[in-house]
PDB file of N, CA and C in Angstrom:
ATOM      1  N   UNK A   1     -32.568 -38.182   2.575  1.00  0.00           N
ATOM      2  CA  UNK A   1     -32.149 -38.304   3.954  1.00  0.00           C
ATOM      3  C   UNK A   1     -33.018 -39.303   4.700  1.00  0.00           C
ATOM      4  N   UNK A   2     -34.294 -39.247   4.493  1.00  0.00           N
ATOM      5  CA  UNK A   2     -35.229 -40.089   5.218  1.00  0.00           C
ATOM      6  C   UNK A   2     -35.189 -41.507   4.662  1.00  0.00           C
ATOM      7  N   UNK A   3     -34.568 -42.433   5.407  1.00  0.00           N
ATOM      8  CA  UNK A   3     -34.487 -43.802   4.912  1.00  0.00           C
ATOM      9  C   UNK A   3     -35.491 -44.716   5.604  1.00  0.00           C
ATOM     10  N   UNK A   4     -36.571 -44.157   6.089  1.00  0.00           N
ATOM     11  CA  UNK A   4     -37.641 -44.940   6.677  1.00  0.00           C
ATOM     12  C   UNK A   4     -38.751 -45.021   5.639  1.00  0.00           C
ATOM     13  N   UNK A   5     -39.237 -46.234   5.369  1.00  0.00           N
ATOM     14  CA  UNK A   5     -40.327 -46.327   4.393  1.00  0.00           C
ATOM     15  C   UNK A   5     -41.615 -46.784   5.071  1.00  0.00           C
ATOM     16  N   UNK A   6     -42.686 -46.866   4.316  1.00  0.00           N
ATOM     17  CA  UNK A   6     -44.006 -47.160   4.881  1.00  0.00           C
ATOM     18  C   UNK A   6     -44.103 -48.561   5.471  1.00  0.00           C
ATOM     19  N   UNK A   7     -43.229 -49.473   5.095  1.00  0.00           N
ATOM     20  CA  UNK A   7     -43.288 -50.844   5.609  1.00  0.00           C
ATOM     21  C   UNK A   7     -42.496 -51.018   6.892  1.00  0.00           C
ATOM     22  N   UNK A   8     -41.776 -50.014   7.300  1.00  0.00           N
ATOM     23  CA  UNK A   8     -40.951 -50.120   8.495  1.00  0.00           C
ATOM     24  C   UNK A   8     -41.795 -50.049   9.758  1.00  0.00           C
ATOM     25  N   UNK A   9     -41.258 -50.609  10.829  1.00  0.00           N
ATOM     26  CA  UNK A   9     -41.896 -50.572  12.130  1.00  0.00           C
ATOM     27  C   UNK A   9     -41.986 -49.134  12.637  1.00  0.00           C
ATOM     28  N   UNK A  10     -41.007 -48.310  12.277  1.00  0.00           N
ATOM     29  CA  UNK A  10     -40.942 -46.924  12.719  1.00  0.00           C
ATOM     30  C   UNK A  10     -41.069 -46.002  11.523  1.00  0.00           C
ATOM     31  N   UNK A  11     -42.300 -45.748  11.077  1.00  0.00           N
ATOM     32  CA  UNK A  11     -42.484 -44.859   9.920  1.00  0.00           C
ATOM     33  C   UNK A  11     -42.119 -43.424  10.276  1.00  0.00           C
ATOM     34  N   UNK A  12     -41.854 -42.646   9.270  1.00  0.00           N
ATOM     35  CA  UNK A  12     -41.497 -41.245   9.475  1.00  0.00           C
ATOM     36  C   UNK A  12     -42.693 -40.495  10.038  1.00  0.00           C
ATOM     37  N   UNK A  13     -42.696 -40.289  11.332  1.00  0.00           N
ATOM     38  CA  UNK A  13     -43.806 -39.610  11.981  1.00  0.00           C
ATOM     39  C   UNK A  13     -43.519 -38.124  12.144  1.00  0.00           C
ATOM     40  N   UNK A  14     -42.255 -37.764  12.002  1.00  0.00           N
ATOM     41  CA  UNK A  14     -41.894 -36.367  12.198  1.00  0.00           C
ATOM     42  C   UNK A  14     -42.182 -35.580  10.930  1.00  0.00           C
ATOM     43  N   UNK A  15     -42.715 -34.388  11.137  1.00  0.00           N
ATOM     44  CA  UNK A  15     -43.007 -33.488  10.033  1.00  0.00           C
ATOM     45  C   UNK A  15     -42.606 -32.094  10.474  1.00  0.00           C
ATOM     46  N   UNK A  16     -42.420 -31.232   9.537  1.00  0.00           N
ATOM     47  CA  UNK A  16     -42.103 -29.857   9.867  1.00  0.00           C
ATOM     48  C   UNK A  16     -40.686 -29.498   9.483  1.00  0.00           C
ATOM     49  N   UNK A  17     -40.313 -28.264   9.798  1.00  0.00           N
ATOM     50  CA  UNK A  17     -39.022 -27.749   9.340  1.00  0.00           C
ATOM     51  C   UNK A  17     -37.807 -28.470   9.921  1.00  0.00           C
ATOM     52  N   UNK A  18     -37.967 -29.099  11.058  1.00  0.00           N
ATOM     53  CA  UNK A  18     -36.825 -29.755  11.697  1.00  0.00           C
ATOM     54  C   UNK A  18     -36.843 -31.276  11.519  1.00  0.00           C
ATOM     55  N   UNK A  19     -37.760 -31.792  10.731  1.00  0.00           N
ATOM     56  CA  UNK A  19     -37.927 -33.239  10.595  1.00  0.00           C
ATOM     57  C   UNK A  19     -36.671 -33.917  10.078  1.00  0.00           C
ATOM     58  N   UNK A  20     -36.087 -33.384   9.015  1.00  0.00           N
ATOM     59  CA  UNK A  20     -34.877 -34.003   8.466  1.00  0.00           C
ATOM     60  C   UNK A  20     -33.729 -33.957   9.459  1.00  0.00           C
ATOM     61  N   UNK A  21     -33.619 -32.853  10.178  1.00  0.00           N
ATOM     62  CA  UNK A  21     -32.559 -32.726  11.176  1.00  0.00           C
ATOM     63  C   UNK A  21     -32.772 -33.725  12.312  1.00  0.00           C
ATOM     64  N   UNK A  22     -34.015 -33.874  12.740  1.00  0.00           N
ATOM     65  CA  UNK A  22     -34.325 -34.843  13.794  1.00  0.00           C
ATOM     66  C   UNK A  22     -33.979 -36.265  13.341  1.00  0.00           C
ATOM     67  N   UNK A  23     -34.359 -36.613  12.128  1.00  0.00           N
ATOM     68  CA  UNK A  23     -34.032 -37.942  11.602  1.00  0.00           C
ATOM     69  C   UNK A  23     -32.530 -38.140  11.471  1.00  0.00           C
ATOM     70  N   UNK A  24     -31.806 -37.067  11.126  1.00  0.00           N
ATOM     71  CA  UNK A  24     -30.354 -37.154  11.038  1.00  0.00           C
ATOM     72  C   UNK A  24     -29.756 -37.483  12.408  1.00  0.00           C
ATOM     73  N   UNK A  25     -30.250 -36.813  13.448  1.00  0.00           N
ATOM     74  CA  UNK A  25     -29.751 -37.082  14.802  1.00  0.00           C
ATOM     75  C   UNK A  25     -30.127 -38.489  15.267  1.00  0.00           C
ATOM     76  N   UNK A  26     -31.311 -38.950  14.936  1.00  0.00           N
ATOM     77  CA  UNK A  26     -31.710 -40.320  15.282  1.00  0.00           C
ATOM     78  C   UNK A  26     -30.790 -41.317  14.598  1.00  0.00           C
ATOM     79  N   UNK A  27     -30.545 -41.110  13.312  1.00  0.00           N
ATOM     80  CA  UNK A  27     -29.652 -42.003  12.560  1.00  0.00           C
ATOM     81  C   UNK A  27     -28.242 -41.951  13.125  1.00  0.00           C
ATOM     82  N   UNK A  28     -27.790 -40.765  13.509  1.00  0.00           N
ATOM     83  CA  UNK A  28     -26.457 -40.607  14.087  1.00  0.00           C
ATOM     84  C   UNK A  28     -26.328 -41.413  15.377  1.00  0.00           C
ATOM     85  N   UNK A  29     -27.324 -41.310  16.245  1.00  0.00           N
ATOM     86  CA  UNK A  29     -27.301 -42.052  17.502  1.00  0.00           C
ATOM     87  C   UNK A  29     -27.256 -43.556  17.244  1.00  0.00           C
ATOM     88  N   UNK A  30     -28.126 -44.009  16.344  1.00  0.00           N
ATOM     89  CA  UNK A  30     -28.174 -45.442  16.052  1.00  0.00           C
ATOM     90  C   UNK A  30     -26.863 -45.932  15.446  1.00  0.00           C
ATOM     91  N   UNK A  31     -26.261 -45.134  14.569  1.00  0.00           N
ATOM     92  CA  UNK A  31     -24.961 -45.495  13.987  1.00  0.00           C
ATOM     93  C   UNK A  31     -23.906 -45.669  15.071  1.00  0.00           C
ATOM     94  N   UNK A  32     -23.912 -44.746  16.043  1.00  0.00           N
ATOM     95  CA  UNK A  32     -22.955 -44.830  17.151  1.00  0.00           C
ATOM     96  C   UNK A  32     -23.162 -46.103  17.973  1.00  0.00           C
ATOM     97  N   UNK A  33     -24.386 -46.621  17.974  1.00  0.00           N
ATOM     98  CA  UNK A  33     -24.696 -47.864  18.689  1.00  0.00           C
ATOM     99  C   UNK A  33     -24.523 -49.099  17.798  1.00  0.00           C
ATOM    100  N   UNK A  34     -24.161 -48.871  16.525  1.00  0.00           N
ATOM    101  CA  UNK A  34     -23.916 -49.990  15.616  1.00  0.00           C
ATOM    102  C   UNK A  34     -25.140 -50.445  14.827  1.00  0.00           C
ATOM    103  N   UNK A  35     -26.153 -49.592  14.717  1.00  0.00           N
ATOM    104  CA  UNK A  35     -27.387 -49.948  14.012  1.00  0.00           C
ATOM    105  C   UNK A  35     -27.741 -48.875  12.985  1.00  0.00           C
ATOM    106  N   UNK A  36     -28.668 -49.225  12.126  1.00  0.00           N
ATOM    107  CA  UNK A  36     -29.281 -48.249  11.230  1.00  0.00           C
ATOM    108  C   UNK A  36     -30.774 -48.253  11.524  1.00  0.00           C
ATOM    109  N   UNK A  37     -31.473 -47.252  11.018  1.00  0.00           N
ATOM    110  CA  UNK A  37     -32.917 -47.185  11.240  1.00  0.00           C
ATOM    111  C   UNK A  37     -33.594 -48.421  10.667  1.00  0.00           C
ATOM    112  N   UNK A  38     -33.159 -48.831   9.497  1.00  0.00           N
ATOM    113  CA  UNK A  38     -33.764 -50.008   8.853  1.00  0.00           C
ATOM    114  C   UNK A  38     -33.549 -51.282   9.670  1.00  0.00           C
ATOM    115  N   UNK A  39     -32.430 -51.403  10.339  1.00  0.00           N
ATOM    116  CA  UNK A  39     -32.139 -52.609  11.117  1.00  0.00           C
ATOM    117  C   UNK A  39     -33.028 -52.744  12.351  1.00  0.00           C
ATOM    118  N   UNK A  40     -33.664 -51.663  12.779  1.00  0.00           N
ATOM    119  CA  UNK A  40     -34.552 -51.755  13.938  1.00  0.00           C
ATOM    120  C   UNK A  40     -35.676 -52.751  13.706  1.00  0.00           C
ATOM    121  N   UNK A  41     -36.107 -52.876  12.460  1.00  0.00           N
ATOM    122  CA  UNK A  41     -37.192 -53.810  12.143  1.00  0.00           C
ATOM    123  C   UNK A  41     -36.813 -55.265  12.369  1.00  0.00           C
ATOM    124  N   UNK A  42     -35.517 -55.551  12.330  1.00  0.00           N
ATOM    125  CA  UNK A  42     -35.056 -56.930  12.498  1.00  0.00           C
ATOM    126  C   UNK A  42     -34.772 -57.292  13.952  1.00  0.00           C
ATOM    127  N   UNK A  43     -34.825 -56.306  14.827  1.00  0.00           N
ATOM    128  CA  UNK A  43     -34.533 -56.543  16.240  1.00  0.00           C
ATOM    129  C   UNK A  43     -35.796 -56.935  16.992  1.00  0.00           C
ATOM    130  N   UNK A  44     -35.624 -57.592  18.142  1.00  0.00           N
ATOM    131  CA  UNK A  44     -36.796 -57.869  18.990  1.00  0.00           C
ATOM    132  C   UNK A  44     -37.476 -56.554  19.382  1.00  0.00           C
ATOM    133  N   UNK A  45     -38.773 -56.603  19.536  1.00  0.00           N
ATOM    134  CA  UNK A  45     -39.573 -55.406  19.825  1.00  0.00           C
ATOM    135  C   UNK A  45     -39.028 -54.595  20.998  1.00  0.00           C
ATOM    136  N   UNK A  46     -38.685 -55.260  22.088  1.00  0.00           N
ATOM    137  CA  UNK A  46     -38.218 -54.517  23.270  1.00  0.00           C
ATOM    138  C   UNK A  46     -36.913 -53.779  22.985  1.00  0.00           C
ATOM    139  N   UNK A  47     -36.015 -54.428  22.276  1.00  0.00           N
ATOM    140  CA  UNK A  47     -34.736 -53.784  21.975  1.00  0.00           C
ATOM    141  C   UNK A  47     -34.906 -52.632  20.988  1.00  0.00           C
ATOM    142  N   UNK A  48     -35.709 -52.835  19.950  1.00  0.00           N
ATOM    143  CA  UNK A  48     -35.910 -51.770  18.971  1.00  0.00           C
ATOM    144  C   UNK A  48     -36.629 -50.580  19.604  1.00  0.00           C
ATOM    145  N   UNK A  49     -37.575 -50.848  20.491  1.00  0.00           N
ATOM    146  CA  UNK A  49     -38.282 -49.769  21.186  1.00  0.00           C
ATOM    147  C   UNK A  49     -37.323 -49.001  22.085  1.00  0.00           C
ATOM    148  N   UNK A  50     -36.484 -49.722  22.806  1.00  0.00           N
ATOM    149  CA  UNK A  50     -35.507 -49.080  23.686  1.00  0.00           C
ATOM    150  C   UNK A  50     -34.553 -48.203  22.880  1.00  0.00           C
ATOM    151  N   UNK A  51     -34.026 -48.737  21.789  1.00  0.00           N
ATOM    152  CA  UNK A  51     -33.094 -47.972  20.961  1.00  0.00           C
ATOM    153  C   UNK A  51     -33.757 -46.743  20.351  1.00  0.00           C
ATOM    154  N   UNK A  52     -34.984 -46.894  19.882  1.00  0.00           N
ATOM    155  CA  UNK A  52     -35.673 -45.765  19.272  1.00  0.00           C
ATOM    156  C   UNK A  52     -36.011 -44.712  20.319  1.00  0.00           C
ATOM    157  N   UNK A  53     -36.347 -45.133  21.517  1.00  0.00           N
ATOM    158  CA  UNK A  53     -36.608 -44.185  22.604  1.00  0.00           C
ATOM    159  C   UNK A  53     -35.350 -43.402  22.927  1.00  0.00           C
ATOM    160  N   UNK A  54     -34.231 -44.115  23.065  1.00  0.00           N
ATOM    161  CA  UNK A  54     -32.959 -43.454  23.342  1.00  0.00           C
ATOM    162  C   UNK A  54     -32.567 -42.514  22.209  1.00  0.00           C
ATOM    163  N   UNK A  55     -32.745 -42.956  20.977  1.00  0.00           N
ATOM    164  CA  UNK A  55     -32.393 -42.146  19.811  1.00  0.00           C
ATOM    165  C   UNK A  55     -33.265 -40.895  19.743  1.00  0.00           C
ATOM    166  N   UNK A  56     -34.529 -41.035  20.076  1.00  0.00           N
ATOM    167  CA  UNK A  56     -35.437 -39.888  20.068  1.00  0.00           C
ATOM    168  C   UNK A  56     -35.069 -38.882  21.151  1.00  0.00           C
ATOM    169  N   UNK A  57     -34.700 -39.389  22.308  1.00  0.00           N
ATOM    170  CA  UNK A  57     -34.264 -38.501  23.389  1.00  0.00           C
ATOM    171  C   UNK A  57     -32.978 -37.771  22.993  1.00  0.00           C
ATOM    172  N   UNK A  58     -32.059 -38.491  22.377  1.00  0.00           N
ATOM    173  CA  UNK A  58     -30.817 -37.890  21.898  1.00  0.00           C
ATOM    174  C   UNK A  58     -31.121 -36.783  20.887  1.00  0.00           C
ATOM    175  N   UNK A  59     -32.011 -37.069  19.933  1.00  0.00           N
ATOM    176  CA  UNK A  59     -32.367 -36.086  18.912  1.00  0.00           C
ATOM    177  C   UNK A  59     -33.025 -34.861  19.548  1.00  0.00           C
ATOM    178  N   UNK A  60     -33.890 -35.075  20.516  1.00  0.00           N
ATOM    179  CA  UNK A  60     -34.541 -33.954  21.197  1.00  0.00           C
ATOM    180  C   UNK A  60     -33.530 -33.070  21.906  1.00  0.00           C
ATOM    181  N   UNK A  61     -32.578 -33.712  22.565  1.00  0.00           N
ATOM    182  CA  UNK A  61     -31.519 -32.960  23.244  1.00  0.00           C
ATOM    183  C   UNK A  61     -30.688 -32.148  22.258  1.00  0.00           C
ATOM    184  N   UNK A  62     -30.312 -32.767  21.150  1.00  0.00           N
ATOM    185  CA  UNK A  62     -29.507 -32.087  20.141  1.00  0.00           C
ATOM    186  C   UNK A  62     -30.266 -30.913  19.529  1.00  0.00           C
ATOM    187  N   UNK A  63     -31.567 -31.094  19.263  1.00  0.00           N
ATOM    188  CA  UNK A  63     -32.375 -30.008  18.718  1.00  0.00           C
ATOM    189  C   UNK A  63     -32.515 -28.871  19.726  1.00  0.00           C
ATOM    190  N   UNK A  64     -32.699 -29.212  20.981  1.00  0.00           N
ATOM    191  CA  UNK A  64     -32.801 -28.186  22.029  1.00  0.00           C
ATOM    192  C   UNK A  64     -31.486 -27.417  22.146  1.00  0.00           C
ATOM    193  N   UNK A  65     -30.380 -28.129  22.059  1.00  0.00           N
ATOM    194  CA  UNK A  65     -29.063 -27.487  22.109  1.00  0.00           C
ATOM    195  C   UNK A  65     -28.902 -26.521  20.929  1.00  0.00           C
ATOM    196  N   UNK A  66     -29.291 -26.962  19.765  1.00  0.00           N
ATOM    197  CA  UNK A  66     -29.207 -26.135  18.561  1.00  0.00           C
ATOM    198  C   UNK A  66     -30.067 -24.875  18.702  1.00  0.00           C
ATOM    199  N   UNK A  67     -31.276 -25.039  19.202  1.00  0.00           N
ATOM    200  CA  UNK A  67     -32.174 -23.899  19.396  1.00  0.00           C
ATOM    201  C   UNK A  67     -31.629 -22.937  20.448  1.00  0.00           C
ATOM    202  N   UNK A  68     -31.045 -23.468  21.516  1.00  0.00           N
ATOM    203  CA  UNK A  68     -30.465 -22.622  22.561  1.00  0.00           C
ATOM    204  C   UNK A  68     -29.300 -21.811  22.021  1.00  0.00           C
ATOM    205  N   UNK A  69     -28.458 -22.449  21.240  1.00  0.00           N
ATOM    206  CA  UNK A  69     -27.326 -21.731  20.643  1.00  0.00           C
ATOM    207  C   UNK A  69     -27.810 -20.623  19.710  1.00  0.00           C
ATOM    208  N   UNK A  70     -28.825 -20.911  18.908  1.00  0.00           N
ATOM    209  CA  UNK A  70     -29.357 -19.908  17.990  1.00  0.00           C
ATOM    210  C   UNK A  70     -29.959 -18.736  18.765  1.00  0.00           C
ATOM    211  N   UNK A  71     -30.686 -19.042  19.831  1.00  0.00           N
ATOM    212  CA  UNK A  71     -31.285 -17.997  20.665  1.00  0.00           C
ATOM    213  C   UNK A  71     -30.192 -17.138  21.303  1.00  0.00           C
ATOM    214  N   UNK A  72     -29.163 -17.776  21.831  1.00  0.00           N
ATOM    215  CA  UNK A  72     -28.059 -17.047  22.452  1.00  0.00           C
ATOM    216  C   UNK A  72     -27.342 -16.175  21.425  1.00  0.00           C
ATOM    217  N   UNK A  73     -27.122 -16.729  20.249  1.00  0.00           N
ATOM    218  CA  UNK A  73     -26.460 -15.970  19.184  1.00  0.00           C
ATOM    219  C   UNK A  73     -27.289 -14.742  18.819  1.00  0.00           C
ATOM    220  N   UNK A  74     -28.596 -14.902  18.730  1.00  0.00           N
ATOM    221  CA  UNK A  74     -29.480 -13.767  18.422  1.00  0.00           C
ATOM    222  C   UNK A  74     -29.447 -12.722  19.525  1.00  0.00           C
ATOM    223  N   UNK A  75     -29.426 -13.161  20.783  1.00  0.00           N
ATOM    224  CA  UNK A  75     -29.366 -12.226  21.908  1.00  0.00           C
ATOM    225  C   UNK A  75     -28.056 -11.448  21.890  1.00  0.00           C
ATOM    226  N   UNK A  76     -26.962 -12.139  21.638  1.00  0.00           N
ATOM    227  CA  UNK A  76     -25.653 -11.471  21.577  1.00  0.00           C
ATOM    228  C   UNK A  76     -25.636 -10.475  20.420  1.00  0.00           C
ATOM    229  N   UNK A  77     -26.174 -10.882  19.291  1.00  0.00           N
ATOM    230  CA  UNK A  77     -26.218 -10.001  18.141  1.00  0.00           C
ATOM    231  C   UNK A  77     -27.085  -8.770  18.422  1.00  0.00           C
ATOM    232  N   UNK A  78     -28.215  -9.003  19.084  1.00  0.00           N
ATOM    233  CA  UNK A  78     -29.123  -7.908  19.421  1.00  0.00           C
ATOM    234  C   UNK A  78     -28.455  -6.919  20.386  1.00  0.00           C
ATOM    235  N   UNK A  79     -27.761  -7.417  21.385  1.00  0.00           N
ATOM    236  CA  UNK A  79     -27.066  -6.559  22.363  1.00  0.00           C
ATOM    237  C   UNK A  79     -25.967  -5.764  21.685  1.00  0.00           C
ATOM    238  N   UNK A  80     -25.218  -6.402  20.793  1.00  0.00           N
ATOM    239  CA  UNK A  80     -24.114  -5.707  20.124  1.00  0.00           C
ATOM    240  C   UNK A  80     -24.611  -4.645  19.154  1.00  0.00           C
ATOM    241  N   UNK A  81     -25.854  -4.769  18.680  1.00  0.00           N
ATOM    242  CA  UNK A  81     -26.443  -3.770  17.786  1.00  0.00           C
ATOM    243  C   UNK A  81     -26.975  -2.562  18.557  1.00  0.00           C
ATOM    244  N   UNK A  82     -27.212  -2.738  19.847  1.00  0.00           N
ATOM    245  CA  UNK A  82     -27.818  -1.662  20.651  1.00  0.00           C
ATOM    246  C   UNK A  82     -26.821  -0.626  21.065  1.00  0.00           C
TER     247      UNK A  82
END
């Protein structure tokens, strides 16, 4: 899943249980904008930084949404068990 290598401008800095999911959302955002993670290295610094910032914000939002849904699902399940 992780198509960022050590020579890229944006190395894989994310670690932990959600790292692959975060990278998936970043790649998804960039694809929607017509880019790939690897192509960021070929763009001017300002543009690649802007795109990566936007992609990171998108990924953070998607992860927060996922966590909120899981929390809500657990609360509903807990209430229905009571």
